[in-house]
């Protein structure tokens, strides 16, 4: 079942994920990436949500979105306290979840024209 009936072809959407690959639009990515409706950064240097540092989170915070999603693996991961504090200090909602949940949530929020960025780790 399709979650979104009509989508704007100008926005970046996750088309597929799994087996170490994320497909955004027509691009197949095998490395961690940052995606917003209008921007795709394919060289994000992250290994996992548990090991993510504030410096690695900074490219997401620099986008000045109101929501940051972090997605990796098949289970929910918990970010370190300093990541939550960095987001709180900037008024950014931080949500961490499995890769699939983050991709689906990002697509819905991006289609709703919400101010969202996702850091995705395949």
PDB file of N, CA and C in Angstrom:
ATOM      1  N   UNK A   1       0.837  -1.181   0.000  1.00  0.00           N
ATOM      2  CA  UNK A   1       0.000   0.000   0.000  1.00  0.00           C
ATOM      3  C   UNK A   1       0.879   1.240   0.000  1.00  0.00           C
ATOM      4  N   UNK A   2       0.557   2.164  -0.850  1.00  0.00           N
ATOM      5  CA  UNK A   2       1.285   3.426  -0.891  1.00  0.00           C
ATOM      6  C   UNK A   2       0.826   4.315   0.240  1.00  0.00           C
ATOM      7  N   UNK A   3       1.779   4.924   0.929  1.00  0.00           N
ATOM      8  CA  UNK A   3       1.436   5.840   2.010  1.00  0.00           C
ATOM      9  C   UNK A   3       1.094   7.224   1.486  1.00  0.00           C
ATOM     10  N   UNK A   4       1.719   7.606   0.389  1.00  0.00           N
ATOM     11  CA  UNK A   4       1.537   8.935  -0.167  1.00  0.00           C
ATOM     12  C   UNK A   4       0.980   8.794  -1.571  1.00  0.00           C
ATOM     13  N   UNK A   5      -0.192   9.371  -1.811  1.00  0.00           N
ATOM     14  CA  UNK A   5      -0.806   9.249  -3.128  1.00  0.00           C
ATOM     15  C   UNK A   5      -0.150  10.149  -4.161  1.00  0.00           C
ATOM     16  N   UNK A   6       0.069  11.389  -3.808  1.00  0.00           N
ATOM     17  CA  UNK A   6       0.696  12.335  -4.722  1.00  0.00           C
ATOM     18  C   UNK A   6       1.937  12.900  -4.052  1.00  0.00           C
ATOM     19  N   UNK A   7       3.041  12.899  -4.769  1.00  0.00           N
ATOM     20  CA  UNK A   7       4.241  13.503  -4.212  1.00  0.00           C
ATOM     21  C   UNK A   7       4.846  14.441  -5.237  1.00  0.00           C
ATOM     22  N   UNK A   8       5.474  15.457  -4.737  1.00  0.00           N
ATOM     23  CA  UNK A   8       6.126  16.457  -5.565  1.00  0.00           C
ATOM     24  C   UNK A   8       7.424  15.856  -6.109  1.00  0.00           C
ATOM     25  N   UNK A   9       7.585  15.764  -7.412  1.00  0.00           N
ATOM     26  CA  UNK A   9       8.796  15.146  -7.962  1.00  0.00           C
ATOM     27  C   UNK A   9      10.067  15.950  -7.683  1.00  0.00           C
ATOM     28  N   UNK A  10       9.921  17.174  -7.215  1.00  0.00           N
ATOM     29  CA  UNK A  10      11.091  18.001  -6.927  1.00  0.00           C
ATOM     30  C   UNK A  10      11.692  17.731  -5.558  1.00  0.00           C
ATOM     31  N   UNK A  11      11.016  16.964  -4.695  1.00  0.00           N
ATOM     32  CA  UNK A  11      11.563  16.721  -3.368  1.00  0.00           C
ATOM     33  C   UNK A  11      12.237  15.351  -3.299  1.00  0.00           C
ATOM     34  N   UNK A  12      13.261  15.280  -2.483  1.00  0.00           N
ATOM     35  CA  UNK A  12      13.981  14.030  -2.267  1.00  0.00           C
ATOM     36  C   UNK A  12      13.141  13.101  -1.401  1.00  0.00           C
ATOM     37  N   UNK A  13      12.855  11.922  -1.907  1.00  0.00           N
ATOM     38  CA  UNK A  13      12.145  10.907  -1.138  1.00  0.00           C
ATOM     39  C   UNK A  13      12.924   9.615  -1.166  1.00  0.00           C
ATOM     40  N   UNK A  14      12.821   8.866  -0.071  1.00  0.00           N
ATOM     41  CA  UNK A  14      13.454   7.555  -0.010  1.00  0.00           C
ATOM     42  C   UNK A  14      12.546   6.585  -0.754  1.00  0.00           C
ATOM     43  N   UNK A  15      13.075   5.985  -1.786  1.00  0.00           N
ATOM     44  CA  UNK A  15      12.303   5.046  -2.615  1.00  0.00           C
ATOM     45  C   UNK A  15      12.422   3.615  -2.122  1.00  0.00           C
ATOM     46  N   UNK A  16      13.597   3.295  -1.554  1.00  0.00           N
ATOM     47  CA  UNK A  16      13.815   1.925  -1.108  1.00  0.00           C
ATOM     48  C   UNK A  16      14.978   1.919  -0.115  1.00  0.00           C
ATOM     49  N   UNK A  17      14.980   0.961   0.779  1.00  0.00           N
ATOM     50  CA  UNK A  17      16.078   0.789   1.726  1.00  0.00           C
ATOM     51  C   UNK A  17      16.182  -0.689   2.075  1.00  0.00           C
ATOM     52  N   UNK A  18      17.361  -1.092   2.480  1.00  0.00           N
ATOM     53  CA  UNK A  18      17.593  -2.463   2.903  1.00  0.00           C
ATOM     54  C   UNK A  18      18.820  -3.054   2.254  1.00  0.00           C
ATOM     55  N   UNK A  19      19.344  -4.103   2.860  1.00  0.00           N
ATOM     56  CA  UNK A  19      20.535  -4.799   2.359  1.00  0.00           C
ATOM     57  C   UNK A  19      21.708  -3.847   2.146  1.00  0.00           C
ATOM     58  N   UNK A  20      21.857  -2.867   3.040  1.00  0.00           N
ATOM     59  CA  UNK A  20      22.989  -1.948   2.958  1.00  0.00           C
ATOM     60  C   UNK A  20      22.873  -0.864   1.920  1.00  0.00           C
ATOM     61  N   UNK A  21      21.675  -0.679   1.361  1.00  0.00           N
ATOM     62  CA  UNK A  21      21.461   0.325   0.313  1.00  0.00           C
ATOM     63  C   UNK A  21      20.255   1.196   0.667  1.00  0.00           C
ATOM     64  N   UNK A  22      20.382   2.478   0.384  1.00  0.00           N
ATOM     65  CA  UNK A  22      19.262   3.410   0.468  1.00  0.00           C
ATOM     66  C   UNK A  22      19.124   4.037  -0.912  1.00  0.00           C
ATOM     67  N   UNK A  23      17.919   4.036  -1.460  1.00  0.00           N
ATOM     68  CA  UNK A  23      17.683   4.660  -2.758  1.00  0.00           C
ATOM     69  C   UNK A  23      16.861   5.922  -2.527  1.00  0.00           C
ATOM     70  N   UNK A  24      17.454   7.060  -2.884  1.00  0.00           N
ATOM     71  CA  UNK A  24      16.791   8.356  -2.761  1.00  0.00           C
ATOM     72  C   UNK A  24      16.682   8.916  -4.167  1.00  0.00           C
ATOM     73  N   UNK A  25      15.454   9.092  -4.619  1.00  0.00           N
ATOM     74  CA  UNK A  25      15.248   9.460  -6.010  1.00  0.00           C
ATOM     75  C   UNK A  25      15.788   8.340  -6.875  1.00  0.00           C
ATOM     76  N   UNK A  26      16.758   8.646  -7.706  1.00  0.00           N
ATOM     77  CA  UNK A  26      17.388   7.646  -8.562  1.00  0.00           C
ATOM     78  C   UNK A  26      18.775   7.242  -8.067  1.00  0.00           C
ATOM     79  N   UNK A  27      19.208   7.799  -6.930  1.00  0.00           N
ATOM     80  CA  UNK A  27      20.564   7.541  -6.429  1.00  0.00           C
ATOM     81  C   UNK A  27      20.585   6.376  -5.458  1.00  0.00           C
ATOM     82  N   UNK A  28      21.478   5.439  -5.673  1.00  0.00           N
ATOM     83  CA  UNK A  28      21.688   4.320  -4.761  1.00  0.00           C
ATOM     84  C   UNK A  28      22.867   4.657  -3.863  1.00  0.00           C
ATOM     85  N   UNK A  29      22.619   4.663  -2.558  1.00  0.00           N
ATOM     86  CA  UNK A  29      23.646   5.039  -1.599  1.00  0.00           C
ATOM     87  C   UNK A  29      23.977   3.857  -0.705  1.00  0.00           C
ATOM     88  N   UNK A  30      25.253   3.641  -0.481  1.00  0.00           N
ATOM     89  CA  UNK A  30      25.690   2.561   0.400  1.00  0.00           C
ATOM     90  C   UNK A  30      26.416   3.105   1.627  1.00  0.00           C
ATOM     91  N   UNK A  31      26.498   4.402   1.732  1.00  0.00           N
ATOM     92  CA  UNK A  31      27.147   5.066   2.867  1.00  0.00           C
ATOM     93  C   UNK A  31      26.135   5.944   3.587  1.00  0.00           C
ATOM     94  N   UNK A  32      26.436   6.329   4.827  1.00  0.00           N
ATOM     95  CA  UNK A  32      25.545   7.229   5.546  1.00  0.00           C
ATOM     96  C   UNK A  32      25.326   8.529   4.773  1.00  0.00           C
ATOM     97  N   UNK A  33      24.110   9.062   4.869  1.00  0.00           N
ATOM     98  CA  UNK A  33      23.765  10.275   4.132  1.00  0.00           C
ATOM     99  C   UNK A  33      22.843  11.147   4.970  1.00  0.00           C
ATOM    100  N   UNK A  34      22.737  12.387   4.544  1.00  0.00           N
ATOM    101  CA  UNK A  34      21.802  13.351   5.124  1.00  0.00           C
ATOM    102  C   UNK A  34      20.872  13.784   4.014  1.00  0.00           C
ATOM    103  N   UNK A  35      19.578  13.759   4.280  1.00  0.00           N
ATOM    104  CA  UNK A  35      18.615  14.123   3.256  1.00  0.00           C
ATOM    105  C   UNK A  35      17.594  15.111   3.813  1.00  0.00           C
ATOM    106  N   UNK A  36      17.288  16.117   3.004  1.00  0.00           N
ATOM    107  CA  UNK A  36      16.155  17.013   3.230  1.00  0.00           C
ATOM    108  C   UNK A  36      15.358  17.022   1.935  1.00  0.00           C
ATOM    109  N   UNK A  37      14.258  17.714   1.938  1.00  0.00           N
ATOM    110  CA  UNK A  37      13.421  17.771   0.737  1.00  0.00           C
ATOM    111  C   UNK A  37      14.203  18.301  -0.466  1.00  0.00           C
ATOM    112  N   UNK A  38      15.131  19.225  -0.238  1.00  0.00           N
ATOM    113  CA  UNK A  38      15.838  19.871  -1.340  1.00  0.00           C
ATOM    114  C   UNK A  38      17.320  19.545  -1.425  1.00  0.00           C
ATOM    115  N   UNK A  39      17.832  18.779  -0.472  1.00  0.00           N
ATOM    116  CA  UNK A  39      19.280  18.565  -0.424  1.00  0.00           C
ATOM    117  C   UNK A  39      19.604  17.117  -0.087  1.00  0.00           C
ATOM    118  N   UNK A  40      20.676  16.598  -0.696  1.00  0.00           N
ATOM    119  CA  UNK A  40      21.164  15.261  -0.400  1.00  0.00           C
ATOM    120  C   UNK A  40      22.674  15.343  -0.223  1.00  0.00           C
ATOM    121  N   UNK A  41      23.134  15.018   0.975  1.00  0.00           N
ATOM    122  CA  UNK A  41      24.568  15.010   1.269  1.00  0.00           C
ATOM    123  C   UNK A  41      24.997  13.554   1.417  1.00  0.00           C
ATOM    124  N   UNK A  42      25.827  13.100   0.507  1.00  0.00           N
ATOM    125  CA  UNK A  42      26.183  11.675   0.428  1.00  0.00           C
ATOM    126  C   UNK A  42      27.460  11.320   1.173  1.00  0.00           C
ATOM    127  N   UNK A  43      28.089  12.265   1.821  1.00  0.00           N
ATOM    128  CA  UNK A  43      29.374  11.991   2.472  1.00  0.00           C
ATOM    129  C   UNK A  43      29.337  12.241   3.982  1.00  0.00           C
ATOM    130  N   UNK A  44      28.258  11.856   4.624  1.00  0.00           N
ATOM    131  CA  UNK A  44      28.138  12.049   6.074  1.00  0.00           C
ATOM    132  C   UNK A  44      28.991  10.999   6.771  1.00  0.00           C
ATOM    133  N   UNK A  45      29.825  11.416   7.682  1.00  0.00           N
ATOM    134  CA  UNK A  45      30.766  10.514   8.344  1.00  0.00           C
ATOM    135  C   UNK A  45      30.206  10.049   9.686  1.00  0.00           C
ATOM    136  N   UNK A  46      29.270   9.127   9.638  1.00  0.00           N
ATOM    137  CA  UNK A  46      28.685   8.542  10.839  1.00  0.00           C
ATOM    138  C   UNK A  46      28.801   7.032  10.741  1.00  0.00           C
ATOM    139  N   UNK A  47      28.929   6.387  11.887  1.00  0.00           N
ATOM    140  CA  UNK A  47      29.045   4.932  11.916  1.00  0.00           C
ATOM    141  C   UNK A  47      27.776   4.308  12.483  1.00  0.00           C
ATOM    142  N   UNK A  48      27.291   4.875  13.586  1.00  0.00           N
ATOM    143  CA  UNK A  48      26.080   4.371  14.220  1.00  0.00           C
ATOM    144  C   UNK A  48      25.487   5.478  15.075  1.00  0.00           C
ATOM    145  N   UNK A  49      24.239   5.324  15.449  1.00  0.00           N
ATOM    146  CA  UNK A  49      23.595   6.316  16.309  1.00  0.00           C
ATOM    147  C   UNK A  49      24.247   6.311  17.684  1.00  0.00           C
ATOM    148  N   UNK A  50      24.578   5.137  18.196  1.00  0.00           N
ATOM    149  CA  UNK A  50      25.180   5.027  19.527  1.00  0.00           C
ATOM    150  C   UNK A  50      26.548   5.700  19.598  1.00  0.00           C
ATOM    151  N   UNK A  51      27.293   5.706  18.492  1.00  0.00           N
ATOM    152  CA  UNK A  51      28.638   6.285  18.470  1.00  0.00           C
ATOM    153  C   UNK A  51      28.669   7.703  17.897  1.00  0.00           C
ATOM    154  N   UNK A  52      27.527   8.241  17.524  1.00  0.00           N
ATOM    155  CA  UNK A  52      27.462   9.561  16.907  1.00  0.00           C
ATOM    156  C   UNK A  52      27.928  10.637  17.877  1.00  0.00           C
ATOM    157  N   UNK A  53      28.743  11.565  17.385  1.00  0.00           N
ATOM    158  CA  UNK A  53      29.237  12.673  18.195  1.00  0.00           C
ATOM    159  C   UNK A  53      28.491  13.950  17.829  1.00  0.00           C
ATOM    160  N   UNK A  54      28.626  14.961  18.663  1.00  0.00           N
ATOM    161  CA  UNK A  54      28.013  16.252  18.368  1.00  0.00           C
ATOM    162  C   UNK A  54      28.614  16.819  17.083  1.00  0.00           C
ATOM    163  N   UNK A  55      29.907  16.637  16.882  1.00  0.00           N
ATOM    164  CA  UNK A  55      30.550  17.125  15.651  1.00  0.00           C
ATOM    165  C   UNK A  55      29.951  16.449  14.421  1.00  0.00           C
ATOM    166  N   UNK A  56      29.635  15.159  14.516  1.00  0.00           N
ATOM    167  CA  UNK A  56      29.020  14.454  13.389  1.00  0.00           C
ATOM    168  C   UNK A  56      27.568  14.865  13.200  1.00  0.00           C
ATOM    169  N   UNK A  57      26.915  15.282  14.278  1.00  0.00           N
ATOM    170  CA  UNK A  57      25.532  15.743  14.196  1.00  0.00           C
ATOM    171  C   UNK A  57      25.438  17.161  13.631  1.00  0.00           C
ATOM    172  N   UNK A  58      26.517  17.907  13.745  1.00  0.00           N
ATOM    173  CA  UNK A  58      26.518  19.321  13.345  1.00  0.00           C
ATOM    174  C   UNK A  58      26.012  19.577  11.920  1.00  0.00           C
ATOM    175  N   UNK A  59      26.369  18.775  10.899  1.00  0.00           N
ATOM    176  CA  UNK A  59      25.829  19.043   9.558  1.00  0.00           C
ATOM    177  C   UNK A  59      24.303  18.990   9.505  1.00  0.00           C
ATOM    178  N   UNK A  60      23.695  18.163  10.328  1.00  0.00           N
ATOM    179  CA  UNK A  60      22.227  18.114  10.389  1.00  0.00           C
ATOM    180  C   UNK A  60      21.683  19.359  11.085  1.00  0.00           C
ATOM    181  N   UNK A  61      22.317  19.766  12.173  1.00  0.00           N
ATOM    182  CA  UNK A  61      21.862  20.949  12.906  1.00  0.00           C
ATOM    183  C   UNK A  61      22.060  22.218  12.090  1.00  0.00           C
ATOM    184  N   UNK A  62      23.113  22.261  11.271  1.00  0.00           N
ATOM    185  CA  UNK A  62      23.388  23.433  10.440  1.00  0.00           C
ATOM    186  C   UNK A  62      22.295  23.681   9.406  1.00  0.00           C
ATOM    187  N   UNK A  63      21.500  22.665   9.113  1.00  0.00           N
ATOM    188  CA  UNK A  63      20.408  22.818   8.148  1.00  0.00           C
ATOM    189  C   UNK A  63      19.235  23.617   8.717  1.00  0.00           C
ATOM    190  N   UNK A  64      19.234  23.806  10.027  1.00  0.00           N
ATOM    191  CA  UNK A  64      18.226  24.619  10.721  1.00  0.00           C
ATOM    192  C   UNK A  64      16.797  24.124  10.493  1.00  0.00           C
ATOM    193  N   UNK A  65      16.634  22.819  10.527  1.00  0.00           N
ATOM    194  CA  UNK A  65      15.294  22.248  10.447  1.00  0.00           C
ATOM    195  C   UNK A  65      14.733  22.146  11.861  1.00  0.00           C
ATOM    196  N   UNK A  66      13.447  21.964  11.970  1.00  0.00           N
ATOM    197  CA  UNK A  66      12.845  21.834  13.300  1.00  0.00           C
ATOM    198  C   UNK A  66      12.822  20.389  13.783  1.00  0.00           C
ATOM    199  N   UNK A  67      13.022  19.451  12.861  1.00  0.00           N
ATOM    200  CA  UNK A  67      13.014  18.028  13.209  1.00  0.00           C
ATOM    201  C   UNK A  67      14.233  17.364  12.586  1.00  0.00           C
ATOM    202  N   UNK A  68      14.950  16.581  13.393  1.00  0.00           N
ATOM    203  CA  UNK A  68      16.056  15.761  12.905  1.00  0.00           C
ATOM    204  C   UNK A  68      15.720  14.307  13.221  1.00  0.00           C
ATOM    205  N   UNK A  69      15.719  13.490  12.191  1.00  0.00           N
ATOM    206  CA  UNK A  69      15.505  12.055  12.347  1.00  0.00           C
ATOM    207  C   UNK A  69      16.834  11.352  12.140  1.00  0.00           C
ATOM    208  N   UNK A  70      17.117  10.379  12.995  1.00  0.00           N
ATOM    209  CA  UNK A  70      18.291   9.539  12.817  1.00  0.00           C
ATOM    210  C   UNK A  70      17.801   8.116  12.666  1.00  0.00           C
ATOM    211  N   UNK A  71      18.248   7.446  11.611  1.00  0.00           N
ATOM    212  CA  UNK A  71      17.800   6.089  11.359  1.00  0.00           C
ATOM    213  C   UNK A  71      18.952   5.164  11.025  1.00  0.00           C
ATOM    214  N   UNK A  72      18.965   4.000  11.703  1.00  0.00           N
ATOM    215  CA  UNK A  72      19.998   2.994  11.447  1.00  0.00           C
ATOM    216  C   UNK A  72      19.526   1.652  11.970  1.00  0.00           C
ATOM    217  N   UNK A  73      19.941   0.604  11.304  1.00  0.00           N
ATOM    218  CA  UNK A  73      19.669  -0.740  11.789  1.00  0.00           C
ATOM    219  C   UNK A  73      18.200  -1.125  11.763  1.00  0.00           C
ATOM    220  N   UNK A  74      17.919  -2.205  12.463  1.00  0.00           N
ATOM    221  CA  UNK A  74      16.555  -2.736  12.488  1.00  0.00           C
ATOM    222  C   UNK A  74      15.858  -2.517  13.814  1.00  0.00           C
ATOM    223  N   UNK A  75      16.568  -1.954  14.794  1.00  0.00           N
ATOM    224  CA  UNK A  75      15.967  -1.707  16.098  1.00  0.00           C
ATOM    225  C   UNK A  75      16.188  -0.261  16.506  1.00  0.00           C
ATOM    226  N   UNK A  76      15.429   0.167  17.483  1.00  0.00           N
ATOM    227  CA  UNK A  76      15.527   1.529  18.008  1.00  0.00           C
ATOM    228  C   UNK A  76      16.868   1.721  18.698  1.00  0.00           C
ATOM    229  N   UNK A  77      17.523   2.828  18.451  1.00  0.00           N
ATOM    230  CA  UNK A  77      18.791   3.149  19.102  1.00  0.00           C
ATOM    231  C   UNK A  77      18.613   4.419  19.923  1.00  0.00           C
ATOM    232  N   UNK A  78      19.397   4.547  20.971  1.00  0.00           N
ATOM    233  CA  UNK A  78      19.303   5.712  21.837  1.00  0.00           C
ATOM    234  C   UNK A  78      20.538   6.589  21.677  1.00  0.00           C
ATOM    235  N   UNK A  79      20.339   7.880  21.375  1.00  0.00           N
ATOM    236  CA  UNK A  79      21.483   8.777  21.223  1.00  0.00           C
ATOM    237  C   UNK A  79      22.054   9.149  22.589  1.00  0.00           C
ATOM    238  N   UNK A  80      23.296   9.558  22.586  1.00  0.00           N
ATOM    239  CA  UNK A  80      23.939   9.979  23.823  1.00  0.00           C
ATOM    240  C   UNK A  80      23.325  11.284  24.316  1.00  0.00           C
ATOM    241  N   UNK A  81      23.479  11.529  25.599  1.00  0.00           N
ATOM    242  CA  UNK A  81      22.882  12.703  26.241  1.00  0.00           C
ATOM    243  C   UNK A  81      23.345  14.008  25.600  1.00  0.00           C
ATOM    244  N   UNK A  82      24.620  14.082  25.218  1.00  0.00           N
ATOM    245  CA  UNK A  82      25.110  15.342  24.637  1.00  0.00           C
ATOM    246  C   UNK A  82      24.464  15.643  23.289  1.00  0.00           C
ATOM    247  N   UNK A  83      24.049  14.625  22.547  1.00  0.00           N
ATOM    248  CA  UNK A  83      23.331  14.858  21.297  1.00  0.00           C
ATOM    249  C   UNK A  83      21.957  15.438  21.569  1.00  0.00           C
ATOM    250  N   UNK A  84      21.283  14.849  22.537  1.00  0.00           N
ATOM    251  CA  UNK A  84      19.949  15.364  22.904  1.00  0.00           C
ATOM    252  C   UNK A  84      20.057  16.800  23.399  1.00  0.00           C
ATOM    253  N   UNK A  85      21.084  17.087  24.184  1.00  0.00           N
ATOM    254  CA  UNK A  85      21.282  18.441  24.708  1.00  0.00           C
ATOM    255  C   UNK A  85      21.577  19.436  23.580  1.00  0.00           C
ATOM    256  N   UNK A  86      22.397  19.040  22.616  1.00  0.00           N
ATOM    257  CA  UNK A  86      22.724  19.931  21.491  1.00  0.00           C
ATOM    258  C   UNK A  86      21.466  20.275  20.698  1.00  0.00           C
ATOM    259  N   UNK A  87      20.604  19.299  20.506  1.00  0.00           N
ATOM    260  CA  UNK A  87      19.356  19.546  19.773  1.00  0.00           C
ATOM    261  C   UNK A  87      18.421  20.429  20.584  1.00  0.00           C
ATOM    262  N   UNK A  88      18.294  20.115  21.857  1.00  0.00           N
ATOM    263  CA  UNK A  88      17.414  20.900  22.731  1.00  0.00           C
ATOM    264  C   UNK A  88      17.853  22.360  22.766  1.00  0.00           C
ATOM    265  N   UNK A  89      19.173  22.600  22.826  1.00  0.00           N
ATOM    266  CA  UNK A  89      19.704  23.962  22.882  1.00  0.00           C
ATOM    267  C   UNK A  89      19.345  24.767  21.644  1.00  0.00           C
ATOM    268  N   UNK A  90      19.118  24.088  20.528  1.00  0.00           N
ATOM    269  CA  UNK A  90      18.770  24.766  19.273  1.00  0.00           C
ATOM    270  C   UNK A  90      17.286  24.677  18.944  1.00  0.00           C
ATOM    271  N   UNK A  91      16.508  24.108  19.847  1.00  0.00           N
ATOM    272  CA  UNK A  91      15.073  23.998  19.612  1.00  0.00           C
ATOM    273  C   UNK A  91      14.710  22.992  18.539  1.00  0.00           C
ATOM    274  N   UNK A  92      15.536  21.962  18.395  1.00  0.00           N
ATOM    275  CA  UNK A  92      15.330  20.948  17.369  1.00  0.00           C
ATOM    276  C   UNK A  92      14.818  19.669  18.026  1.00  0.00           C
ATOM    277  N   UNK A  93      13.763  19.105  17.471  1.00  0.00           N
ATOM    278  CA  UNK A  93      13.254  17.826  17.944  1.00  0.00           C
ATOM    279  C   UNK A  93      14.116  16.723  17.343  1.00  0.00           C
ATOM    280  N   UNK A  94      14.666  15.848  18.189  1.00  0.00           N
ATOM    281  CA  UNK A  94      15.509  14.743  17.741  1.00  0.00           C
ATOM    282  C   UNK A  94      14.764  13.439  17.956  1.00  0.00           C
ATOM    283  N   UNK A  95      14.651  12.657  16.887  1.00  0.00           N
ATOM    284  CA  UNK A  95      14.000  11.342  16.965  1.00  0.00           C
ATOM    285  C   UNK A  95      14.945  10.306  16.375  1.00  0.00           C
ATOM    286  N   UNK A  96      15.188   9.254  17.128  1.00  0.00           N
ATOM    287  CA  UNK A  96      16.041   8.160  16.664  1.00  0.00           C
ATOM    288  C   UNK A  96      15.185   6.912  16.519  1.00  0.00           C
ATOM    289  N   UNK A  97      15.414   6.176  15.446  1.00  0.00           N
ATOM    290  CA  UNK A  97      14.596   4.999  15.171  1.00  0.00           C
ATOM    291  C   UNK A  97      15.325   4.065  14.223  1.00  0.00           C
ATOM    292  N   UNK A  98      14.678   2.957  13.922  1.00  0.00           N
ATOM    293  CA  UNK A  98      15.267   2.037  12.945  1.00  0.00           C
ATOM    294  C   UNK A  98      15.345   2.732  11.587  1.00  0.00           C
ATOM    295  N   UNK A  99      16.162   2.192  10.707  1.00  0.00           N
ATOM    296  CA  UNK A  99      16.318   2.784   9.374  1.00  0.00           C
ATOM    297  C   UNK A  99      14.980   2.832   8.640  1.00  0.00           C
ATOM    298  N   UNK A 100      14.241   1.748   8.658  1.00  0.00           N
ATOM    299  CA  UNK A 100      12.958   1.720   7.955  1.00  0.00           C
ATOM    300  C   UNK A 100      11.973   2.744   8.499  1.00  0.00           C
ATOM    301  N   UNK A 101      11.877   2.833   9.816  1.00  0.00           N
ATOM    302  CA  UNK A 101      10.963   3.802  10.426  1.00  0.00           C
ATOM    303  C   UNK A 101      11.388   5.230  10.098  1.00  0.00           C
ATOM    304  N   UNK A 102      12.684   5.495  10.105  1.00  0.00           N
ATOM    305  CA  UNK A 102      13.167   6.839   9.788  1.00  0.00           C
ATOM    306  C   UNK A 102      12.875   7.203   8.332  1.00  0.00           C
ATOM    307  N   UNK A 103      13.073   6.260   7.426  1.00  0.00           N
ATOM    308  CA  UNK A 103      12.792   6.515   6.002  1.00  0.00           C
ATOM    309  C   UNK A 103      11.313   6.810   5.792  1.00  0.00           C
ATOM    310  N   UNK A 104      10.454   6.006   6.388  1.00  0.00           N
ATOM    311  CA  UNK A 104       9.008   6.211   6.218  1.00  0.00           C
ATOM    312  C   UNK A 104       8.552   7.527   6.854  1.00  0.00           C
ATOM    313  N   UNK A 105       9.058   7.814   8.047  1.00  0.00           N
ATOM    314  CA  UNK A 105       8.685   9.049   8.738  1.00  0.00           C
ATOM    315  C   UNK A 105       9.184  10.260   7.963  1.00  0.00           C
ATOM    316  N   UNK A 106      10.420  10.198   7.489  1.00  0.00           N
ATOM    317  CA  UNK A 106      10.968  11.296   6.688  1.00  0.00           C
ATOM    318  C   UNK A 106      10.086  11.552   5.469  1.00  0.00           C
ATOM    319  N   UNK A 107       9.739  10.508   4.722  1.00  0.00           N
ATOM    320  CA  UNK A 107       8.921  10.683   3.518  1.00  0.00           C
ATOM    321  C   UNK A 107       7.603  11.372   3.819  1.00  0.00           C
ATOM    322  N   UNK A 108       6.952  10.963   4.882  1.00  0.00           N
ATOM    323  CA  UNK A 108       5.669  11.567   5.241  1.00  0.00           C
ATOM    324  C   UNK A 108       5.855  13.033   5.589  1.00  0.00           C
ATOM    325  N   UNK A 109       6.839  13.349   6.443  1.00  0.00           N
ATOM    326  CA  UNK A 109       7.051  14.737   6.858  1.00  0.00           C
ATOM    327  C   UNK A 109       7.501  15.610   5.689  1.00  0.00           C
ATOM    328  N   UNK A 110       8.366  15.093   4.833  1.00  0.00           N
ATOM    329  CA  UNK A 110       8.822  15.863   3.666  1.00  0.00           C
ATOM    330  C   UNK A 110       7.656  16.148   2.725  1.00  0.00           C
ATOM    331  N   UNK A 111       6.787  15.172   2.516  1.00  0.00           N
ATOM    332  CA  UNK A 111       5.615  15.386   1.666  1.00  0.00           C
ATOM    333  C   UNK A 111       4.651  16.395   2.268  1.00  0.00           C
ATOM    334  N   UNK A 112       4.634  16.488   3.584  1.00  0.00           N
ATOM    335  CA  UNK A 112       3.790  17.485   4.260  1.00  0.00           C
ATOM    336  C   UNK A 112       4.457  18.855   4.311  1.00  0.00           C
ATOM    337  N   UNK A 113       5.626  18.980   3.666  1.00  0.00           N
ATOM    338  CA  UNK A 113       6.400  20.221   3.631  1.00  0.00           C
ATOM    339  C   UNK A 113       6.832  20.674   5.012  1.00  0.00           C
ATOM    340  N   UNK A 114       7.108  19.700   5.886  1.00  0.00           N
ATOM    341  CA  UNK A 114       7.621  19.997   7.217  1.00  0.00           C
ATOM    342  C   UNK A 114       9.116  20.234   7.141  1.00  0.00           C
ATOM    343  N   UNK A 115       9.657  20.941   8.078  1.00  0.00           N
ATOM    344  CA  UNK A 115      11.071  21.250   8.140  1.00  0.00           C
ATOM    345  C   UNK A 115      11.802  20.075   8.795  1.00  0.00           C
ATOM    346  N   UNK A 116      12.244  19.121   7.964  1.00  0.00           N
ATOM    347  CA  UNK A 116      12.828  17.877   8.468  1.00  0.00           C
ATOM    348  C   UNK A 116      14.120  17.537   7.738  1.00  0.00           C
ATOM    349  N   UNK A 117      15.062  16.990   8.498  1.00  0.00           N
ATOM    350  CA  UNK A 117      16.291  16.430   7.936  1.00  0.00           C
ATOM    351  C   UNK A 117      16.460  15.037   8.522  1.00  0.00           C
ATOM    352  N   UNK A 118      16.964  14.127   7.720  1.00  0.00           N
ATOM    353  CA  UNK A 118      17.198  12.761   8.190  1.00  0.00           C
ATOM    354  C   UNK A 118      18.651  12.389   7.969  1.00  0.00           C
ATOM    355  N   UNK A 119      19.252  11.831   9.009  1.00  0.00           N
ATOM    356  CA  UNK A 119      20.567  11.218   8.911  1.00  0.00           C
ATOM    357  C   UNK A 119      20.354   9.724   8.861  1.00  0.00           C
ATOM    358  N   UNK A 120      20.679   9.113   7.733  1.00  0.00           N
ATOM    359  CA  UNK A 120      20.378   7.700   7.497  1.00  0.00           C
ATOM    360  C   UNK A 120      21.664   6.897   7.356  1.00  0.00           C
ATOM    361  N   UNK A 121      21.727   5.784   8.089  1.00  0.00           N
ATOM    362  CA  UNK A 121      22.901   4.932   8.073  1.00  0.00           C
ATOM    363  C   UNK A 121      22.476   3.555   7.591  1.00  0.00           C
ATOM    364  N   UNK A 122      22.852   3.189   6.351  1.00  0.00           N
ATOM    365  CA  UNK A 122      22.390   1.905   5.811  1.00  0.00           C
ATOM    366  C   UNK A 122      23.054   0.705   6.491  1.00  0.00           C
TER     367      UNK A 122
END
